[in-house]
Amino acid sequence: MVQAHVDSLENKHASLEALIDEEEHRPHPDDIKLHQLKKEKLRVKDVLTGL
C-alpha cells in the first residue's frame, strides 16, 4: 500500500514537471500559474522525502 502511494506521488510530481515545462515554453507564460505549479511540485517532493 505504501508503494502505491509513493508511485502515485511520483506520477503527480512528473505530471507537474510536464505542466511547468509546457507553461514555461509558451509565448507568454502565466507567472501566477507557474508559481502555483512549482509550489505544488515542491509540496509533493516534500511528502515523498518524508516517507
N, C-alpha and C. Protein backbone atom coordinates (compact mmCIF):
# COMPACT_ATOMS: atom_id res chain seq x y z
N MET A 1 0.82 -1.18 0.00
CA MET A 1 0.00 0.00 0.00
C MET A 1 0.87 1.26 0.00
N VAL A 2 1.94 1.26 0.77
CA VAL A 2 2.84 2.41 0.80
C VAL A 2 3.46 2.63 -0.57
N GLN A 3 3.85 1.55 -1.24
CA GLN A 3 4.47 1.68 -2.56
C GLN A 3 3.48 2.29 -3.55
N ALA A 4 2.22 1.95 -3.45
CA ALA A 4 1.21 2.53 -4.35
C ALA A 4 1.10 4.03 -4.11
N HIS A 5 1.19 4.44 -2.86
CA HIS A 5 1.14 5.87 -2.53
C HIS A 5 2.37 6.59 -3.09
N VAL A 6 3.53 5.98 -2.94
CA VAL A 6 4.77 6.55 -3.48
C VAL A 6 4.67 6.67 -4.99
N ASP A 7 4.20 5.62 -5.64
CA ASP A 7 4.05 5.64 -7.10
C ASP A 7 3.10 6.75 -7.53
N SER A 8 2.02 6.91 -6.81
CA SER A 8 1.05 7.96 -7.11
C SER A 8 1.69 9.35 -6.99
N LEU A 9 2.44 9.55 -5.92
CA LEU A 9 3.10 10.84 -5.72
C LEU A 9 4.16 11.09 -6.79
N GLU A 10 4.90 10.05 -7.17
CA GLU A 10 5.91 10.20 -8.22
C GLU A 10 5.25 10.56 -9.55
N ASN A 11 4.11 9.94 -9.83
CA ASN A 11 3.39 10.27 -11.07
C ASN A 11 2.89 11.71 -11.04
N LYS A 12 2.39 12.15 -9.90
CA LYS A 12 1.92 13.53 -9.77
C LYS A 12 3.08 14.50 -9.94
N HIS A 13 4.22 14.17 -9.35
CA HIS A 13 5.41 15.01 -9.47
C HIS A 13 5.83 15.13 -10.93
N ALA A 14 5.83 14.02 -11.65
CA ALA A 14 6.20 14.04 -13.07
C ALA A 14 5.18 14.84 -13.90
N SER A 15 3.91 14.70 -13.57
CA SER A 15 2.87 15.46 -14.28
C SER A 15 3.04 16.96 -14.05
N LEU A 16 3.33 17.33 -12.83
CA LEU A 16 3.55 18.74 -12.52
C LEU A 16 4.77 19.27 -13.26
N GLU A 17 5.82 18.46 -13.33
CA GLU A 17 7.03 18.85 -14.06
C GLU A 17 6.71 19.11 -15.53
N ALA A 18 5.89 18.25 -16.11
CA ALA A 18 5.50 18.41 -17.51
C ALA A 18 4.66 19.68 -17.70
N LEU A 19 3.75 19.95 -16.78
CA LEU A 19 2.93 21.15 -16.87
C LEU A 19 3.78 22.41 -16.73
N ILE A 20 4.75 22.37 -15.84
CA ILE A 20 5.66 23.51 -15.66
C ILE A 20 6.46 23.74 -16.94
N ASP A 21 7.00 22.68 -17.49
CA ASP A 21 7.78 22.80 -18.72
C ASP A 21 6.93 23.36 -19.86
N GLU A 22 5.72 22.87 -19.97
CA GLU A 22 4.80 23.34 -21.01
C GLU A 22 4.50 24.83 -20.83
N GLU A 23 4.22 25.24 -19.61
CA GLU A 23 3.89 26.64 -19.35
C GLU A 23 5.10 27.55 -19.61
N GLU A 24 6.29 27.09 -19.24
CA GLU A 24 7.50 27.90 -19.43
C GLU A 24 7.82 28.12 -20.90
N HIS A 25 7.38 27.22 -21.75
CA HIS A 25 7.69 27.33 -23.18
C HIS A 25 6.57 27.97 -24.00
N ARG A 26 5.56 28.48 -23.33
CA ARG A 26 4.50 29.21 -24.03
C ARG A 26 5.03 30.60 -24.38
N PRO A 27 4.47 31.23 -25.40
CA PRO A 27 4.93 32.58 -25.76
C PRO A 27 4.80 33.59 -24.62
N HIS A 28 3.74 33.50 -23.84
CA HIS A 28 3.54 34.40 -22.70
C HIS A 28 3.14 33.57 -21.49
N PRO A 29 4.14 33.02 -20.78
CA PRO A 29 3.82 32.17 -19.62
C PRO A 29 3.07 32.94 -18.54
N ASP A 30 2.18 32.24 -17.88
CA ASP A 30 1.41 32.80 -16.77
C ASP A 30 2.23 32.62 -15.49
N ASP A 31 2.80 33.72 -15.00
CA ASP A 31 3.67 33.65 -13.83
C ASP A 31 2.96 33.13 -12.60
N ILE A 32 1.71 33.49 -12.44
CA ILE A 32 0.95 33.02 -11.27
C ILE A 32 0.74 31.51 -11.34
N LYS A 33 0.36 31.03 -12.51
CA LYS A 33 0.17 29.59 -12.69
C LYS A 33 1.48 28.84 -12.46
N LEU A 34 2.58 29.39 -12.99
CA LEU A 34 3.88 28.75 -12.79
C LEU A 34 4.23 28.67 -11.31
N HIS A 35 3.99 29.74 -10.59
CA HIS A 35 4.28 29.76 -9.16
C HIS A 35 3.46 28.69 -8.43
N GLN A 36 2.18 28.59 -8.77
CA GLN A 36 1.32 27.60 -8.12
C GLN A 36 1.77 26.18 -8.44
N LEU A 37 2.14 25.93 -9.70
CA LEU A 37 2.59 24.60 -10.09
C LEU A 37 3.89 24.23 -9.39
N LYS A 38 4.81 25.17 -9.32
CA LYS A 38 6.09 24.90 -8.66
C LYS A 38 5.90 24.68 -7.16
N LYS A 39 5.00 25.42 -6.56
CA LYS A 39 4.73 25.25 -5.13
C LYS A 39 4.13 23.87 -4.85
N GLU A 40 3.20 23.45 -5.72
CA GLU A 40 2.58 22.12 -5.56
C GLU A 40 3.62 21.02 -5.78
N LYS A 41 4.50 21.20 -6.78
CA LYS A 41 5.54 20.22 -7.05
C LYS A 41 6.46 20.08 -5.84
N LEU A 42 6.82 21.20 -5.23
CA LEU A 42 7.67 21.17 -4.05
C LEU A 42 6.97 20.48 -2.88
N ARG A 43 5.66 20.72 -2.73
CA ARG A 43 4.90 20.07 -1.66
C ARG A 43 4.91 18.55 -1.85
N VAL A 44 4.72 18.11 -3.09
CA VAL A 44 4.73 16.67 -3.38
C VAL A 44 6.11 16.09 -3.10
N LYS A 45 7.16 16.81 -3.49
CA LYS A 45 8.52 16.34 -3.23
C LYS A 45 8.78 16.22 -1.73
N ASP A 46 8.30 17.21 -0.96
CA ASP A 46 8.47 17.17 0.49
C ASP A 46 7.79 15.95 1.09
N VAL A 47 6.61 15.63 0.60
CA VAL A 47 5.89 14.44 1.10
C VAL A 47 6.68 13.18 0.74
N LEU A 48 7.20 13.13 -0.48
CA LEU A 48 7.98 11.96 -0.91
C LEU A 48 9.22 11.77 -0.06
N THR A 49 9.92 12.85 0.25
CA THR A 49 11.14 12.71 1.02
C THR A 49 10.85 12.39 2.49
N GLY A 50 9.64 12.68 2.93
CA GLY A 50 9.25 12.37 4.30
C GLY A 50 8.81 10.94 4.50
N LEU A 51 8.64 10.19 3.43
CA LEU A 51 8.19 8.80 3.56
C LEU A 51 9.33 7.86 3.84
